N, C-alpha and C. Protein backbone atom coordinates (compact mmCIF):
# COMPACT_ATOMS: atom_id res chain seq x y z
N MET A 1 30.19 22.70 17.13
CA MET A 1 31.14 23.20 18.01
C MET A 1 31.18 24.74 17.92
N LEU A 2 31.27 25.38 18.99
CA LEU A 2 31.39 26.81 19.02
C LEU A 2 32.71 27.21 19.43
N SER A 3 33.13 28.39 19.00
CA SER A 3 34.44 28.86 19.47
C SER A 3 34.35 30.38 19.65
N SER A 4 35.15 30.89 20.52
CA SER A 4 35.25 32.31 20.77
C SER A 4 36.42 32.88 20.08
N PRO A 5 36.46 34.17 19.79
CA PRO A 5 37.59 34.72 19.19
C PRO A 5 38.89 34.48 20.03
N GLY A 6 39.95 34.07 19.33
CA GLY A 6 41.22 33.79 20.10
C GLY A 6 41.28 32.41 20.59
N PHE A 7 40.25 31.60 20.42
CA PHE A 7 40.30 30.24 20.88
C PHE A 7 40.06 29.26 19.76
N ALA A 8 40.70 28.17 19.77
CA ALA A 8 40.52 27.10 18.73
C ALA A 8 39.67 26.00 19.31
N CYS A 9 38.92 25.35 18.44
CA CYS A 9 38.14 24.12 18.86
C CYS A 9 38.96 22.91 18.49
N SER A 10 38.85 21.92 19.31
CA SER A 10 39.51 20.62 19.01
C SER A 10 38.53 19.48 19.32
N LEU A 11 38.64 18.46 18.59
CA LEU A 11 37.79 17.30 18.79
C LEU A 11 38.72 16.10 18.92
N ILE A 12 38.69 15.36 19.97
CA ILE A 12 39.48 14.16 20.20
C ILE A 12 38.58 13.01 20.40
N THR A 13 38.83 11.91 19.70
CA THR A 13 37.98 10.76 19.88
C THR A 13 38.88 9.54 20.20
N THR A 14 38.38 8.63 20.98
CA THR A 14 39.13 7.41 21.31
C THR A 14 38.11 6.39 21.74
N ASN A 15 38.47 5.16 21.63
CA ASN A 15 37.64 4.10 22.20
C ASN A 15 38.22 3.61 23.50
N LEU A 16 39.21 4.28 23.99
CA LEU A 16 39.83 3.87 25.31
C LEU A 16 39.21 4.74 26.42
N PRO A 17 38.82 4.12 27.55
CA PRO A 17 38.44 4.93 28.69
C PRO A 17 39.65 5.60 29.29
N PHE A 18 39.48 6.69 30.04
CA PHE A 18 40.59 7.40 30.55
C PHE A 18 41.46 6.49 31.44
N SER A 19 40.94 5.52 32.07
CA SER A 19 41.71 4.64 32.94
C SER A 19 42.73 3.80 32.16
N GLU A 20 42.57 3.69 30.82
CA GLU A 20 43.51 2.89 29.99
C GLU A 20 44.47 3.73 29.21
N TRP A 21 44.46 5.06 29.39
CA TRP A 21 45.34 5.91 28.60
C TRP A 21 46.75 5.70 29.00
N THR A 22 47.06 5.16 30.16
CA THR A 22 48.46 4.91 30.56
C THR A 22 49.04 3.71 29.73
N GLN A 23 48.25 3.00 29.02
CA GLN A 23 48.76 2.00 28.14
C GLN A 23 49.36 2.65 26.85
N VAL A 24 48.82 3.80 26.51
CA VAL A 24 49.34 4.57 25.32
C VAL A 24 50.48 5.47 25.78
N PHE A 25 50.26 6.20 26.92
CA PHE A 25 51.23 7.08 27.49
C PHE A 25 51.76 6.43 28.77
N PRO A 26 52.75 5.64 28.76
CA PRO A 26 53.20 4.85 29.96
C PRO A 26 53.64 5.66 31.12
N ASN A 27 54.07 6.88 30.93
CA ASN A 27 54.51 7.75 32.00
C ASN A 27 53.21 8.32 32.68
N ALA A 28 52.89 7.83 33.84
CA ALA A 28 51.64 8.23 34.48
C ALA A 28 51.54 9.76 34.74
N ARG A 29 52.69 10.37 35.13
CA ARG A 29 52.65 11.80 35.34
C ARG A 29 52.37 12.59 34.02
N LEU A 30 53.04 12.18 32.99
CA LEU A 30 52.77 12.81 31.68
C LEU A 30 51.36 12.60 31.27
N CYS A 31 50.79 11.38 31.43
CA CYS A 31 49.49 11.12 31.07
C CYS A 31 48.44 11.94 31.82
N LYS A 32 48.68 12.10 33.15
CA LYS A 32 47.84 12.93 33.96
C LYS A 32 47.83 14.35 33.55
N ALA A 33 49.06 14.88 33.24
CA ALA A 33 49.14 16.30 32.83
C ALA A 33 48.45 16.51 31.45
N LEU A 34 48.61 15.55 30.56
CA LEU A 34 47.99 15.62 29.26
C LEU A 34 46.45 15.59 29.44
N LEU A 35 45.92 14.71 30.15
CA LEU A 35 44.50 14.63 30.31
C LEU A 35 43.95 15.86 31.06
N ASP A 36 44.74 16.40 32.03
CA ASP A 36 44.30 17.53 32.74
C ASP A 36 44.09 18.74 31.78
N ARG A 37 45.04 18.88 30.86
CA ARG A 37 44.94 19.99 29.84
C ARG A 37 43.82 19.69 28.84
N ILE A 38 43.63 18.44 28.46
CA ILE A 38 42.59 18.16 27.46
C ILE A 38 41.24 18.33 28.01
N ILE A 39 40.96 17.85 29.19
CA ILE A 39 39.59 17.88 29.73
C ILE A 39 39.23 19.21 30.43
N ASP A 40 40.15 20.12 30.63
CA ASP A 40 39.82 21.41 31.19
C ASP A 40 38.90 22.13 30.30
N ARG A 41 37.69 22.44 30.74
CA ARG A 41 36.62 23.16 29.98
C ARG A 41 36.11 22.30 28.80
N ALA A 42 36.25 21.01 28.88
CA ALA A 42 35.81 20.11 27.78
C ALA A 42 34.41 19.63 28.02
N HIS A 43 33.82 19.19 26.92
CA HIS A 43 32.56 18.53 26.94
C HIS A 43 32.85 17.04 26.67
N ILE A 44 32.68 16.17 27.58
CA ILE A 44 33.07 14.79 27.41
C ILE A 44 31.77 14.02 27.17
N ILE A 45 31.73 13.30 26.01
CA ILE A 45 30.55 12.56 25.68
C ILE A 45 31.01 11.05 25.67
N ASP A 46 30.56 10.30 26.65
CA ASP A 46 30.88 8.91 26.70
C ASP A 46 29.86 8.06 26.04
N THR A 47 30.32 7.48 24.86
CA THR A 47 29.41 6.59 24.12
C THR A 47 29.73 5.15 24.32
N GLY A 48 30.55 4.80 25.30
CA GLY A 48 30.92 3.41 25.55
C GLY A 48 32.19 3.12 24.82
N THR A 49 32.73 1.97 24.93
CA THR A 49 34.00 1.60 24.30
C THR A 49 33.88 0.69 23.13
N ASP A 50 32.63 0.41 22.72
CA ASP A 50 32.39 -0.40 21.53
C ASP A 50 32.54 0.41 20.22
N SER A 51 33.16 -0.18 19.24
CA SER A 51 33.27 0.48 17.93
C SER A 51 32.01 0.36 17.09
N TYR A 52 31.40 1.41 16.73
CA TYR A 52 30.17 1.36 15.90
C TYR A 52 30.51 0.82 14.50
N ARG A 53 31.69 1.23 14.01
CA ARG A 53 32.10 0.79 12.62
C ARG A 53 32.32 -0.69 12.64
N PHE A 54 32.88 -1.29 13.68
CA PHE A 54 33.09 -2.70 13.76
C PHE A 54 31.75 -3.42 13.82
N LYS A 55 30.83 -2.93 14.61
CA LYS A 55 29.55 -3.54 14.70
C LYS A 55 28.80 -3.51 13.32
N ARG A 56 28.92 -2.37 12.66
CA ARG A 56 28.28 -2.20 11.39
C ARG A 56 28.84 -3.23 10.33
N THR A 57 30.21 -3.39 10.40
CA THR A 57 30.85 -4.34 9.44
C THR A 57 30.37 -5.75 9.76
N LEU A 58 30.28 -6.14 11.04
CA LEU A 58 29.84 -7.51 11.38
C LEU A 58 28.44 -7.76 10.95
N THR A 59 27.56 -6.73 11.13
CA THR A 59 26.16 -6.90 10.70
C THR A 59 26.06 -7.03 9.21
N SER A 60 26.87 -6.23 8.48
CA SER A 60 26.84 -6.25 7.06
C SER A 60 27.31 -7.61 6.51
N ARG A 61 28.32 -8.10 7.16
CA ARG A 61 28.84 -9.48 6.74
C ARG A 61 27.89 -10.60 7.01
N GLN A 62 27.17 -10.48 8.12
CA GLN A 62 26.15 -11.48 8.49
C GLN A 62 24.94 -11.45 7.50
N GLN A 63 24.59 -10.27 7.09
CA GLN A 63 23.45 -10.08 6.19
C GLN A 63 23.77 -10.51 4.75
N ARG A 64 24.95 -10.29 4.26
CA ARG A 64 25.38 -10.56 2.88
C ARG A 64 26.73 -11.22 2.90
N PRO A 65 26.86 -12.49 3.38
CA PRO A 65 28.20 -13.10 3.45
C PRO A 65 28.87 -13.32 2.10
N GLU A 66 28.09 -13.52 1.02
CA GLU A 66 28.69 -13.69 -0.33
C GLU A 66 29.44 -12.49 -0.81
N GLN A 67 29.07 -11.31 -0.31
CA GLN A 67 29.75 -10.12 -0.63
C GLN A 67 31.18 -10.05 -0.09
N TRP A 68 31.43 -10.78 0.95
CA TRP A 68 32.76 -10.70 1.64
C TRP A 68 33.64 -11.89 1.34
N VAL A 69 33.17 -12.81 0.46
CA VAL A 69 34.01 -13.94 0.08
C VAL A 69 35.02 -13.51 -0.96
N HIS A 70 36.21 -13.79 -0.77
CA HIS A 70 37.25 -13.37 -1.81
C HIS A 70 37.10 -14.18 -3.04
N GLN A 71 36.96 -13.45 -4.11
CA GLN A 71 36.84 -14.11 -5.46
C GLN A 71 38.19 -13.81 -6.21
N PRO A 72 38.77 -14.83 -6.81
CA PRO A 72 39.96 -14.52 -7.60
C PRO A 72 39.64 -13.63 -8.77
N SER A 73 40.54 -12.74 -9.14
CA SER A 73 40.35 -11.87 -10.29
C SER A 73 40.46 -12.64 -11.56
N PRO A 74 39.59 -12.35 -12.56
CA PRO A 74 39.66 -13.10 -13.80
C PRO A 74 41.00 -12.74 -14.54
N SER A 75 41.54 -13.74 -15.14
CA SER A 75 42.77 -13.54 -15.91
C SER A 75 42.46 -12.90 -17.24
N THR A 76 43.30 -12.07 -17.69
CA THR A 76 43.11 -11.38 -18.99
C THR A 76 44.06 -11.91 -20.00
């Protein structure tokens, strides 16, 4: 990220497409104003709506299921 003097950089991430932001901000006018300010001069990188962390966890659990089975702690 680059910034110019007097300007701050911000990074906002979400797995919601813009069309679903009104579920989080139910007031459509407020949501539109917020998005208008956020995306002005923004670089938008759309990676899809799937969670990479969720996919990684599922893959890990499928490869090593014994690691994810709850084992009772030994009594002392």
